[in-house]
Amino acid sequence: EFFTGFTALSVLGLIGGGLRFAWKQLTG
């Protein structure tokens, strides 16, 4: 359960980071 939760958080972090990168590129 811990690894599943950690994996989910990591994936969400990657998605969030990707969205933040895309947002900065677009606004830039």
mmCIF file of all heavy atoms, coordinates in Angstrom:
data_MODEL
# 
_entry.id   MODEL 
# 
loop_
_atom_site.group_PDB 
_atom_site.id 
_atom_site.type_symbol 
_atom_site.label_atom_id 
_atom_site.label_alt_id 
_atom_site.label_comp_id 
_atom_site.label_asym_id 
_atom_site.label_entity_id 
_atom_site.label_seq_id 
_atom_site.pdbx_PDB_ins_code 
_atom_site.Cartn_x 
_atom_site.Cartn_y 
_atom_site.Cartn_z 
_atom_site.occupancy 
_atom_site.B_iso_or_equiv 
_atom_site.pdbx_formal_charge 
_atom_site.auth_seq_id 
_atom_site.auth_comp_id 
_atom_site.auth_asym_id 
_atom_site.auth_atom_id 
_atom_site.pdbx_PDB_model_num 
ATOM 1   N N   . GLU A 1 1  ? 0.829  -1.187 0.000   1.00 0.00 ? 1  GLU A N   1 
ATOM 2   C CA  . GLU A 1 1  ? 0.000  0.000  0.000   1.00 0.00 ? 1  GLU A CA  1 
ATOM 3   C C   . GLU A 1 1  ? 0.878  1.258  0.000   1.00 0.00 ? 1  GLU A C   1 
ATOM 4   O O   . GLU A 1 1  ? 0.554  2.260  -0.631  1.00 0.00 ? 1  GLU A O   1 
ATOM 5   C CB  . GLU A 1 1  ? -0.921 0.012  1.214   1.00 0.00 ? 1  GLU A CB  1 
ATOM 6   C CG  . GLU A 1 1  ? -1.968 -1.050 1.156   1.00 0.00 ? 1  GLU A CG  1 
ATOM 7   C CD  . GLU A 1 1  ? -2.764 -1.107 2.444   1.00 0.00 ? 1  GLU A CD  1 
ATOM 8   O OE1 . GLU A 1 1  ? -2.488 -0.315 3.371   1.00 0.00 ? 1  GLU A OE1 1 
ATOM 9   O OE2 . GLU A 1 1  ? -3.674 -1.901 2.481   1.00 0.00 ? 1  GLU A OE2 1 
ATOM 10  N N   . PHE A 1 2  ? 1.984  1.181  0.748   1.00 0.00 ? 2  PHE A N   1 
ATOM 11  C CA  . PHE A 1 2  ? 2.898  2.319  0.816   1.00 0.00 ? 2  PHE A CA  1 
ATOM 12  C C   . PHE A 1 2  ? 3.496  2.596  -0.556  1.00 0.00 ? 2  PHE A C   1 
ATOM 13  O O   . PHE A 1 2  ? 3.537  3.738  -0.998  1.00 0.00 ? 2  PHE A O   1 
ATOM 14  C CB  . PHE A 1 2  ? 4.016  2.031  1.838   1.00 0.00 ? 2  PHE A CB  1 
ATOM 15  C CG  . PHE A 1 2  ? 5.053  3.109  1.880   1.00 0.00 ? 2  PHE A CG  1 
ATOM 16  C CD1 . PHE A 1 2  ? 4.796  4.323  2.491   1.00 0.00 ? 2  PHE A CD1 1 
ATOM 17  C CD2 . PHE A 1 2  ? 6.296  2.926  1.266   1.00 0.00 ? 2  PHE A CD2 1 
ATOM 18  C CE1 . PHE A 1 2  ? 5.749  5.318  2.519   1.00 0.00 ? 2  PHE A CE1 1 
ATOM 19  C CE2 . PHE A 1 2  ? 7.255  3.917  1.299   1.00 0.00 ? 2  PHE A CE2 1 
ATOM 20  C CZ  . PHE A 1 2  ? 6.986  5.120  1.932   1.00 0.00 ? 2  PHE A CZ  1 
ATOM 21  N N   . PHE A 1 3  ? 3.978  1.529  -1.224  1.00 0.00 ? 3  PHE A N   1 
ATOM 22  C CA  . PHE A 1 3  ? 4.553  1.725  -2.545  1.00 0.00 ? 3  PHE A CA  1 
ATOM 23  C C   . PHE A 1 3  ? 3.513  2.176  -3.570  1.00 0.00 ? 3  PHE A C   1 
ATOM 24  O O   . PHE A 1 3  ? 3.812  2.974  -4.453  1.00 0.00 ? 3  PHE A O   1 
ATOM 25  C CB  . PHE A 1 3  ? 5.248  0.433  -3.015  1.00 0.00 ? 3  PHE A CB  1 
ATOM 26  C CG  . PHE A 1 3  ? 6.560  0.216  -2.335  1.00 0.00 ? 3  PHE A CG  1 
ATOM 27  C CD1 . PHE A 1 3  ? 6.755  -0.888 -1.510  1.00 0.00 ? 3  PHE A CD1 1 
ATOM 28  C CD2 . PHE A 1 3  ? 7.597  1.112  -2.507  1.00 0.00 ? 3  PHE A CD2 1 
ATOM 29  C CE1 . PHE A 1 3  ? 7.959  -1.075 -0.877  1.00 0.00 ? 3  PHE A CE1 1 
ATOM 30  C CE2 . PHE A 1 3  ? 8.804  0.907  -1.877  1.00 0.00 ? 3  PHE A CE2 1 
ATOM 31  C CZ  . PHE A 1 3  ? 8.987  -0.181 -1.052  1.00 0.00 ? 3  PHE A CZ  1 
ATOM 32  N N   . THR A 1 4  ? 2.306  1.673  -3.440  1.00 0.00 ? 4  THR A N   1 
ATOM 33  C CA  . THR A 1 4  ? 1.240  2.099  -4.337  1.00 0.00 ? 4  THR A CA  1 
ATOM 34  C C   . THR A 1 4  ? 0.949  3.581  -4.104  1.00 0.00 ? 4  THR A C   1 
ATOM 35  O O   . THR A 1 4  ? 0.811  4.363  -5.061  1.00 0.00 ? 4  THR A O   1 
ATOM 36  C CB  . THR A 1 4  ? -0.038 1.278  -4.104  1.00 0.00 ? 4  THR A CB  1 
ATOM 37  O OG1 . THR A 1 4  ? 0.270  -0.096 -4.255  1.00 0.00 ? 4  THR A OG1 1 
ATOM 38  C CG2 . THR A 1 4  ? -1.125 1.665  -5.075  1.00 0.00 ? 4  THR A CG2 1 
ATOM 39  N N   . GLY A 1 5  ? 0.854  3.991  -2.858  1.00 0.00 ? 5  GLY A N   1 
ATOM 40  C CA  . GLY A 1 5  ? 0.618  5.397  -2.535  1.00 0.00 ? 5  GLY A CA  1 
ATOM 41  C C   . GLY A 1 5  ? 1.789  6.269  -2.970  1.00 0.00 ? 5  GLY A C   1 
ATOM 42  O O   . GLY A 1 5  ? 1.620  7.377  -3.484  1.00 0.00 ? 5  GLY A O   1 
ATOM 43  N N   . PHE A 1 6  ? 3.020  5.755  -2.737  1.00 0.00 ? 6  PHE A N   1 
ATOM 44  C CA  . PHE A 1 6  ? 4.217  6.500  -3.129  1.00 0.00 ? 6  PHE A CA  1 
ATOM 45  C C   . PHE A 1 6  ? 4.282  6.650  -4.649  1.00 0.00 ? 6  PHE A C   1 
ATOM 46  O O   . PHE A 1 6  ? 4.619  7.699  -5.167  1.00 0.00 ? 6  PHE A O   1 
ATOM 47  C CB  . PHE A 1 6  ? 5.463  5.769  -2.592  1.00 0.00 ? 6  PHE A CB  1 
ATOM 48  C CG  . PHE A 1 6  ? 6.722  6.498  -2.888  1.00 0.00 ? 6  PHE A CG  1 
ATOM 49  C CD1 . PHE A 1 6  ? 7.044  7.667  -2.209  1.00 0.00 ? 6  PHE A CD1 1 
ATOM 50  C CD2 . PHE A 1 6  ? 7.604  6.029  -3.862  1.00 0.00 ? 6  PHE A CD2 1 
ATOM 51  C CE1 . PHE A 1 6  ? 8.212  8.339  -2.492  1.00 0.00 ? 6  PHE A CE1 1 
ATOM 52  C CE2 . PHE A 1 6  ? 8.763  6.708  -4.148  1.00 0.00 ? 6  PHE A CE2 1 
ATOM 53  C CZ  . PHE A 1 6  ? 9.076  7.866  -3.448  1.00 0.00 ? 6  PHE A CZ  1 
ATOM 54  N N   . THR A 1 7  ? 3.953  5.568  -5.340  1.00 0.00 ? 7  THR A N   1 
ATOM 55  C CA  . THR A 1 7  ? 3.946  5.593  -6.787  1.00 0.00 ? 7  THR A CA  1 
ATOM 56  C C   . THR A 1 7  ? 2.901  6.586  -7.291  1.00 0.00 ? 7  THR A C   1 
ATOM 57  O O   . THR A 1 7  ? 3.150  7.357  -8.216  1.00 0.00 ? 7  THR A O   1 
ATOM 58  C CB  . THR A 1 7  ? 3.659  4.195  -7.350  1.00 0.00 ? 7  THR A CB  1 
ATOM 59  O OG1 . THR A 1 7  ? 4.620  3.290  -6.826  1.00 0.00 ? 7  THR A OG1 1 
ATOM 60  C CG2 . THR A 1 7  ? 3.713  4.176  -8.857  1.00 0.00 ? 7  THR A CG2 1 
ATOM 61  N N   . ALA A 1 8  ? 1.732  6.572  -6.670  1.00 0.00 ? 8  ALA A N   1 
ATOM 62  C CA  . ALA A 1 8  ? 0.664  7.494  -7.072  1.00 0.00 ? 8  ALA A CA  1 
ATOM 63  C C   . ALA A 1 8  ? 1.108  8.934  -6.839  1.00 0.00 ? 8  ALA A C   1 
ATOM 64  O O   . ALA A 1 8  ? 0.889  9.812  -7.687  1.00 0.00 ? 8  ALA A O   1 
ATOM 65  C CB  . ALA A 1 8  ? -0.618 7.191  -6.312  1.00 0.00 ? 8  ALA A CB  1 
ATOM 66  N N   . LEU A 1 9  ? 1.742  9.166  -5.686  1.00 0.00 ? 9  LEU A N   1 
ATOM 67  C CA  . LEU A 1 9  ? 2.238  10.513 -5.401  1.00 0.00 ? 9  LEU A CA  1 
ATOM 68  C C   . LEU A 1 9  ? 3.340  10.913 -6.373  1.00 0.00 ? 9  LEU A C   1 
ATOM 69  O O   . LEU A 1 9  ? 3.398  12.068 -6.817  1.00 0.00 ? 9  LEU A O   1 
ATOM 70  C CB  . LEU A 1 9  ? 2.761  10.601 -3.963  1.00 0.00 ? 9  LEU A CB  1 
ATOM 71  C CG  . LEU A 1 9  ? 1.694  10.706 -2.883  1.00 0.00 ? 9  LEU A CG  1 
ATOM 72  C CD1 . LEU A 1 9  ? 2.336  10.669 -1.499  1.00 0.00 ? 9  LEU A CD1 1 
ATOM 73  C CD2 . LEU A 1 9  ? 0.912  11.987 -3.047  1.00 0.00 ? 9  LEU A CD2 1 
ATOM 74  N N   . SER A 1 10 ? 4.220  10.009 -6.710  1.00 0.00 ? 10 SER A N   1 
ATOM 75  C CA  . SER A 1 10 ? 5.294  10.293 -7.659  1.00 0.00 ? 10 SER A CA  1 
ATOM 76  C C   . SER A 1 10 ? 4.720  10.623 -9.034  1.00 0.00 ? 10 SER A C   1 
ATOM 77  O O   . SER A 1 10 ? 5.160  11.570 -9.702  1.00 0.00 ? 10 SER A O   1 
ATOM 78  C CB  . SER A 1 10 ? 6.238  9.105  -7.784  1.00 0.00 ? 10 SER A CB  1 
ATOM 79  O OG  . SER A 1 10 ? 6.867  8.866  -6.548  1.00 0.00 ? 10 SER A OG  1 
ATOM 80  N N   . VAL A 1 11 ? 3.745  9.841  -9.467  1.00 0.00 ? 11 VAL A N   1 
ATOM 81  C CA  . VAL A 1 11 ? 3.119  10.081 -10.754 1.00 0.00 ? 11 VAL A CA  1 
ATOM 82  C C   . VAL A 1 11 ? 2.406  11.440 -10.737 1.00 0.00 ? 11 VAL A C   1 
ATOM 83  O O   . VAL A 1 11 ? 2.516  12.238 -11.684 1.00 0.00 ? 11 VAL A O   1 
ATOM 84  C CB  . VAL A 1 11 ? 2.133  8.946  -11.114 1.00 0.00 ? 11 VAL A CB  1 
ATOM 85  C CG1 . VAL A 1 11 ? 1.272  9.312  -12.308 1.00 0.00 ? 11 VAL A CG1 1 
ATOM 86  C CG2 . VAL A 1 11 ? 2.892  7.661  -11.393 1.00 0.00 ? 11 VAL A CG2 1 
ATOM 87  N N   . LEU A 1 12 ? 1.686  11.727 -9.658  1.00 0.00 ? 12 LEU A N   1 
ATOM 88  C CA  . LEU A 1 12 ? 1.023  13.023 -9.537  1.00 0.00 ? 12 LEU A CA  1 
ATOM 89  C C   . LEU A 1 12 ? 2.051  14.160 -9.522  1.00 0.00 ? 12 LEU A C   1 
ATOM 90  O O   . LEU A 1 12 ? 1.820  15.222 -10.104 1.00 0.00 ? 12 LEU A O   1 
ATOM 91  C CB  . LEU A 1 12 ? 0.151  13.066 -8.283  1.00 0.00 ? 12 LEU A CB  1 
ATOM 92  C CG  . LEU A 1 12 ? -1.136 12.261 -8.329  1.00 0.00 ? 12 LEU A CG  1 
ATOM 93  C CD1 . LEU A 1 12 ? -1.838 12.303 -6.973  1.00 0.00 ? 12 LEU A CD1 1 
ATOM 94  C CD2 . LEU A 1 12 ? -2.057 12.764 -9.413  1.00 0.00 ? 12 LEU A CD2 1 
ATOM 95  N N   . GLY A 1 13 ? 3.192  13.924 -8.849  1.00 0.00 ? 13 GLY A N   1 
ATOM 96  C CA  . GLY A 1 13 ? 4.260  14.926 -8.833  1.00 0.00 ? 13 GLY A CA  1 
ATOM 97  C C   . GLY A 1 13 ? 4.820  15.162 -10.221 1.00 0.00 ? 13 GLY A C   1 
ATOM 98  O O   . GLY A 1 13 ? 5.095  16.311 -10.620 1.00 0.00 ? 13 GLY A O   1 
ATOM 99  N N   . LEU A 1 14 ? 5.037  14.066 -10.958 1.00 0.00 ? 14 LEU A N   1 
ATOM 100 C CA  . LEU A 1 14 ? 5.519  14.196 -12.324 1.00 0.00 ? 14 LEU A CA  1 
ATOM 101 C C   . LEU A 1 14 ? 4.504  14.930 -13.195 1.00 0.00 ? 14 LEU A C   1 
ATOM 102 O O   . LEU A 1 14 ? 4.868  15.797 -14.004 1.00 0.00 ? 14 LEU A O   1 
ATOM 103 C CB  . LEU A 1 14 ? 5.815  12.811 -12.920 1.00 0.00 ? 14 LEU A CB  1 
ATOM 104 C CG  . LEU A 1 14 ? 7.129  12.179 -12.496 1.00 0.00 ? 14 LEU A CG  1 
ATOM 105 C CD1 . LEU A 1 14 ? 7.201  10.749 -13.016 1.00 0.00 ? 14 LEU A CD1 1 
ATOM 106 C CD2 . LEU A 1 14 ? 8.288  12.980 -13.033 1.00 0.00 ? 14 LEU A CD2 1 
ATOM 107 N N   . ILE A 1 15 ? 3.248  14.577 -13.050 1.00 0.00 ? 15 ILE A N   1 
ATOM 108 C CA  . ILE A 1 15 ? 2.207  15.258 -13.825 1.00 0.00 ? 15 ILE A CA  1 
ATOM 109 C C   . ILE A 1 15 ? 2.167  16.737 -13.448 1.00 0.00 ? 15 ILE A C   1 
ATOM 110 O O   . ILE A 1 15 ? 2.108  17.617 -14.313 1.00 0.00 ? 15 ILE A O   1 
ATOM 111 C CB  . ILE A 1 15 ? 0.842  14.585 -13.604 1.00 0.00 ? 15 ILE A CB  1 
ATOM 112 C CG1 . ILE A 1 15 ? 0.839  13.182 -14.236 1.00 0.00 ? 15 ILE A CG1 1 
ATOM 113 C CG2 . ILE A 1 15 ? -0.287 15.435 -14.192 1.00 0.00 ? 15 ILE A CG2 1 
ATOM 114 C CD1 . ILE A 1 15 ? -0.386 12.365 -13.922 1.00 0.00 ? 15 ILE A CD1 1 
ATOM 115 N N   . GLY A 1 16 ? 2.239  17.021 -12.151 1.00 0.00 ? 16 GLY A N   1 
ATOM 116 C CA  . GLY A 1 16 ? 2.233  18.413 -11.686 1.00 0.00 ? 16 GLY A CA  1 
ATOM 117 C C   . GLY A 1 16 ? 3.450  19.171 -12.208 1.00 0.00 ? 16 GLY A C   1 
ATOM 118 O O   . GLY A 1 16 ? 3.349  20.314 -12.646 1.00 0.00 ? 16 GLY A O   1 
ATOM 119 N N   . GLY A 1 17 ? 4.618  18.523 -12.161 1.00 0.00 ? 17 GLY A N   1 
ATOM 120 C CA  . GLY A 1 17 ? 5.834  19.148 -12.668 1.00 0.00 ? 17 GLY A CA  1 
ATOM 121 C C   . GLY A 1 17 ? 5.740  19.400 -14.164 1.00 0.00 ? 17 GLY A C   1 
ATOM 122 O O   . GLY A 1 17 ? 6.160  20.454 -14.670 1.00 0.00 ? 17 GLY A O   1 
ATOM 123 N N   . GLY A 1 18 ? 5.200  18.430 -14.883 1.00 0.00 ? 18 GLY A N   1 
ATOM 124 C CA  . GLY A 1 18 ? 5.015  18.583 -16.322 1.00 0.00 ? 18 GLY A CA  1 
ATOM 125 C C   . GLY A 1 18 ? 4.040  19.714 -16.637 1.00 0.00 ? 18 GLY A C   1 
ATOM 126 O O   . GLY A 1 18 ? 4.275  20.523 -17.546 1.00 0.00 ? 18 GLY A O   1 
ATOM 127 N N   . LEU A 1 19 ? 2.964  19.770 -15.877 1.00 0.00 ? 19 LEU A N   1 
ATOM 128 C CA  . LEU A 1 19 ? 1.998  20.851 -16.083 1.00 0.00 ? 19 LEU A CA  1 
ATOM 129 C C   . LEU A 1 19 ? 2.617  22.213 -15.754 1.00 0.00 ? 19 LEU A C   1 
ATOM 130 O O   . LEU A 1 19 ? 2.385  23.200 -16.460 1.00 0.00 ? 19 LEU A O   1 
ATOM 131 C CB  . LEU A 1 19 ? 0.752  20.608 -15.225 1.00 0.00 ? 19 LEU A CB  1 
ATOM 132 C CG  . LEU A 1 19 ? -0.170 19.475 -15.685 1.00 0.00 ? 19 LEU A CG  1 
ATOM 133 C CD1 . LEU A 1 19 ? -1.288 19.274 -14.674 1.00 0.00 ? 19 LEU A CD1 1 
ATOM 134 C CD2 . LEU A 1 19 ? -0.752 19.768 -17.053 1.00 0.00 ? 19 LEU A CD2 1 
ATOM 135 N N   . ARG A 1 20 ? 3.403  22.241 -14.652 1.00 0.00 ? 20 ARG A N   1 
ATOM 136 C CA  . ARG A 1 20 ? 4.055  23.504 -14.295 1.00 0.00 ? 20 ARG A CA  1 
ATOM 137 C C   . ARG A 1 20 ? 5.043  23.935 -15.389 1.00 0.00 ? 20 ARG A C   1 
ATOM 138 O O   . ARG A 1 20 ? 5.105  25.103 -15.760 1.00 0.00 ? 20 ARG A O   1 
ATOM 139 C CB  . ARG A 1 20 ? 4.780  23.360 -12.964 1.00 0.00 ? 20 ARG A CB  1 
ATOM 140 C CG  . ARG A 1 20 ? 5.295  24.685 -12.441 1.00 0.00 ? 20 ARG A CG  1 
ATOM 141 C CD  . ARG A 1 20 ? 5.884  24.559 -11.091 1.00 0.00 ? 20 ARG A CD  1 
ATOM 142 N NE  . ARG A 1 20 ? 7.152  23.855 -11.261 1.00 0.00 ? 20 ARG A NE  1 
ATOM 143 C CZ  . ARG A 1 20 ? 7.983  23.561 -10.282 1.00 0.00 ? 20 ARG A CZ  1 
ATOM 144 N NH1 . ARG A 1 20 ? 7.675  23.860 -9.059  1.00 0.00 ? 20 ARG A NH1 1 
ATOM 145 N NH2 . ARG A 1 20 ? 9.103  22.942 -10.518 1.00 0.00 ? 20 ARG A NH2 1 
ATOM 146 N N   . PHE A 1 21 ? 5.811  22.977 -15.918 1.00 0.00 ? 21 PHE A N   1 
ATOM 147 C CA  . PHE A 1 21 ? 6.752  23.274 -16.989 1.00 0.00 ? 21 PHE A CA  1 
ATOM 148 C C   . PHE A 1 21 ? 6.012  23.796 -18.227 1.00 0.00 ? 21 PHE A C   1 
ATOM 149 O O   . PHE A 1 21 ? 6.401  24.800 -18.831 1.00 0.00 ? 21 PHE A O   1 
ATOM 150 C CB  . PHE A 1 21 ? 7.560  22.016 -17.345 1.00 0.00 ? 21 PHE A CB  1 
ATOM 151 C CG  . PHE A 1 21 ? 8.461  22.197 -18.525 1.00 0.00 ? 21 PHE A CG  1 
ATOM 152 C CD1 . PHE A 1 21 ? 9.662  22.869 -18.386 1.00 0.00 ? 21 PHE A CD1 1 
ATOM 153 C CD2 . PHE A 1 21 ? 8.107  21.701 -19.779 1.00 0.00 ? 21 PHE A CD2 1 
ATOM 154 C CE1 . PHE A 1 21 ? 10.500 23.042 -19.479 1.00 0.00 ? 21 PHE A CE1 1 
ATOM 155 C CE2 . PHE A 1 21 ? 8.939  21.878 -20.866 1.00 0.00 ? 21 PHE A CE2 1 
ATOM 156 C CZ  . PHE A 1 21 ? 10.140 22.536 -20.724 1.00 0.00 ? 21 PHE A CZ  1 
ATOM 157 N N   . ALA A 1 22 ? 4.946  23.088 -18.597 1.00 0.00 ? 22 ALA A N   1 
ATOM 158 C CA  . ALA A 1 22 ? 4.160  23.500 -19.762 1.00 0.00 ? 22 ALA A CA  1 
ATOM 159 C C   . ALA A 1 22 ? 3.567  24.899 -19.529 1.00 0.00 ? 22 ALA A C   1 
ATOM 160 O O   . ALA A 1 22 ? 3.555  25.742 -20.441 1.00 0.00 ? 22 ALA A O   1 
ATOM 161 C CB  . ALA A 1 22 ? 3.054  22.489 -20.043 1.00 0.00 ? 22 ALA A CB  1 
ATOM 162 N N   . TRP A 1 23 ? 3.063  25.148 -18.328 1.00 0.00 ? 23 TRP A N   1 
ATOM 163 C CA  . TRP A 1 23 ? 2.489  26.457 -18.012 1.00 0.00 ? 23 TRP A CA  1 
ATOM 164 C C   . TRP A 1 23 ? 3.535  27.565 -18.118 1.00 0.00 ? 23 TRP A C   1 
ATOM 165 O O   . TRP A 1 23 ? 3.274  28.619 -18.690 1.00 0.00 ? 23 TRP A O   1 
ATOM 166 C CB  . TRP A 1 23 ? 1.872  26.426 -16.614 1.00 0.00 ? 23 TRP A CB  1 
ATOM 167 C CG  . TRP A 1 23 ? 1.270  27.742 -16.218 1.00 0.00 ? 23 TRP A CG  1 
ATOM 168 C CD1 . TRP A 1 23 ? 1.785  28.646 -15.358 1.00 0.00 ? 23 TRP A CD1 1 
ATOM 169 C CD2 . TRP A 1 23 ? 0.060  28.305 -16.703 1.00 0.00 ? 23 TRP A CD2 1 
ATOM 170 N NE1 . TRP A 1 23 ? 0.985  29.739 -15.261 1.00 0.00 ? 23 TRP A NE1 1 
ATOM 171 C CE2 . TRP A 1 23 ? -0.110 29.559 -16.093 1.00 0.00 ? 23 TRP A CE2 1 
ATOM 172 C CE3 . TRP A 1 23 ? -0.911 27.876 -17.602 1.00 0.00 ? 23 TRP A CE3 1 
ATOM 173 C CZ2 . TRP A 1 23 ? -1.187 30.371 -16.345 1.00 0.00 ? 23 TRP A CZ2 1 
ATOM 174 C CZ3 . TRP A 1 23 ? -1.984 28.703 -17.831 1.00 0.00 ? 23 TRP A CZ3 1 
ATOM 175 C CH2 . TRP A 1 23 ? -2.118 29.936 -17.217 1.00 0.00 ? 23 TRP A CH2 1 
ATOM 176 N N   . LYS A 1 24 ? 4.741  27.324 -17.592 1.00 0.00 ? 24 LYS A N   1 
ATOM 177 C CA  . LYS A 1 24 ? 5.807  28.326 -17.669 1.00 0.00 ? 24 LYS A CA  1 
ATOM 178 C C   . LYS A 1 24 ? 6.234  28.568 -19.116 1.00 0.00 ? 24 LYS A C   1 
ATOM 179 O O   . LYS A 1 24 ? 6.505  29.707 -19.504 1.00 0.00 ? 24 LYS A O   1 
ATOM 180 C CB  . LYS A 1 24 ? 7.009  27.900 -16.827 1.00 0.00 ? 24 LYS A CB  1 
ATOM 181 C CG  . LYS A 1 24 ? 6.796  28.083 -15.352 1.00 0.00 ? 24 LYS A CG  1 
ATOM 182 C CD  . LYS A 1 24 ? 8.059  27.799 -14.579 1.00 0.00 ? 24 LYS A CD  1 
ATOM 183 C CE  . LYS A 1 24 ? 7.843  28.045 -13.111 1.00 0.00 ? 24 LYS A CE  1 
ATOM 184 N NZ  . LYS A 1 24 ? 9.072  27.848 -12.334 1.00 0.00 ? 24 LYS A NZ  1 
ATOM 185 N N   . GLN A 1 25 ? 6.299  27.502 -19.893 1.00 0.00 ? 25 GLN A N   1 
ATOM 186 C CA  . GLN A 1 25 ? 6.649  27.658 -21.300 1.00 0.00 ? 25 GLN A CA  1 
ATOM 187 C C   . GLN A 1 25 ? 5.591  28.489 -22.032 1.00 0.00 ? 25 GLN A C   1 
ATOM 188 O O   . GLN A 1 25 ? 5.923  29.401 -22.798 1.00 0.00 ? 25 GLN A O   1 
ATOM 189 C CB  . GLN A 1 25 ? 6.796  26.283 -21.973 1.00 0.00 ? 25 GLN A CB  1 
ATOM 190 C CG  . GLN A 1 25 ? 8.019  25.517 -21.561 1.00 0.00 ? 25 GLN A CG  1 
ATOM 191 C CD  . GLN A 1 25 ? 9.286  26.216 -21.998 1.00 0.00 ? 25 GLN A CD  1 
ATOM 192 O OE1 . GLN A 1 25 ? 9.382  26.710 -23.116 1.00 0.00 ? 25 GLN A OE1 1 
ATOM 193 N NE2 . GLN A 1 25 ? 10.256 26.289 -21.111 1.00 0.00 ? 25 GLN A NE2 1 
ATOM 194 N N   . LEU A 1 26 ? 4.348  28.187 -21.771 1.00 0.00 ? 26 LEU A N   1 
ATOM 195 C CA  . LEU A 1 26 ? 3.255  28.896 -22.433 1.00 0.00 ? 26 LEU A CA  1 
ATOM 196 C C   . LEU A 1 26 ? 3.226  30.368 -22.011 1.00 0.00 ? 26 LEU A C   1 
ATOM 197 O O   . LEU A 1 26 ? 3.163  31.254 -22.862 1.00 0.00 ? 26 LEU A O   1 
ATOM 198 C CB  . LEU A 1 26 ? 1.919  28.225 -22.106 1.00 0.00 ? 26 LEU A CB  1 
ATOM 199 C CG  . LEU A 1 26 ? 0.672  28.857 -22.715 1.00 0.00 ? 26 LEU A CG  1 
ATOM 200 C CD1 . LEU A 1 26 ? 0.731  28.770 -24.234 1.00 0.00 ? 26 LEU A CD1 1 
ATOM 201 C CD2 . LEU A 1 26 ? -0.578 28.181 -22.197 1.00 0.00 ? 26 LEU A CD2 1 
ATOM 202 N N   . THR A 1 27 ? 3.285  30.628 -20.729 1.00 0.00 ? 27 THR A N   1 
ATOM 203 C CA  . THR A 1 27 ? 3.244  32.017 -20.261 1.00 0.00 ? 27 THR A CA  1 
ATOM 204 C C   . THR A 1 27 ? 4.515  32.763 -20.655 1.00 0.00 ? 27 THR A C   1 
ATOM 205 O O   . THR A 1 27 ? 4.464  33.967 -20.926 1.00 0.00 ? 27 THR A O   1 
ATOM 206 C CB  . THR A 1 27 ? 3.018  32.099 -18.744 1.00 0.00 ? 27 THR A CB  1 
ATOM 207 O OG1 . THR A 1 27 ? 4.040  31.368 -18.070 1.00 0.00 ? 27 THR A OG1 1 
ATOM 208 C CG2 . THR A 1 27 ? 1.659  31.563 -18.367 1.00 0.00 ? 27 THR A CG2 1 
ATOM 209 N N   . GLY A 1 28 ? 5.636  32.074 -20.720 1.00 0.00 ? 28 GLY A N   1 
ATOM 210 C CA  . GLY A 1 28 ? 6.877  32.714 -21.163 1.00 0.00 ? 28 GLY A CA  1 
ATOM 211 C C   . GLY A 1 28 ? 6.776  33.163 -22.612 1.00 0.00 ? 28 GLY A C   1 
ATOM 212 O O   . GLY A 1 28 ? 7.210  34.249 -22.971 1.00 0.00 ? 28 GLY A O   1 
# 
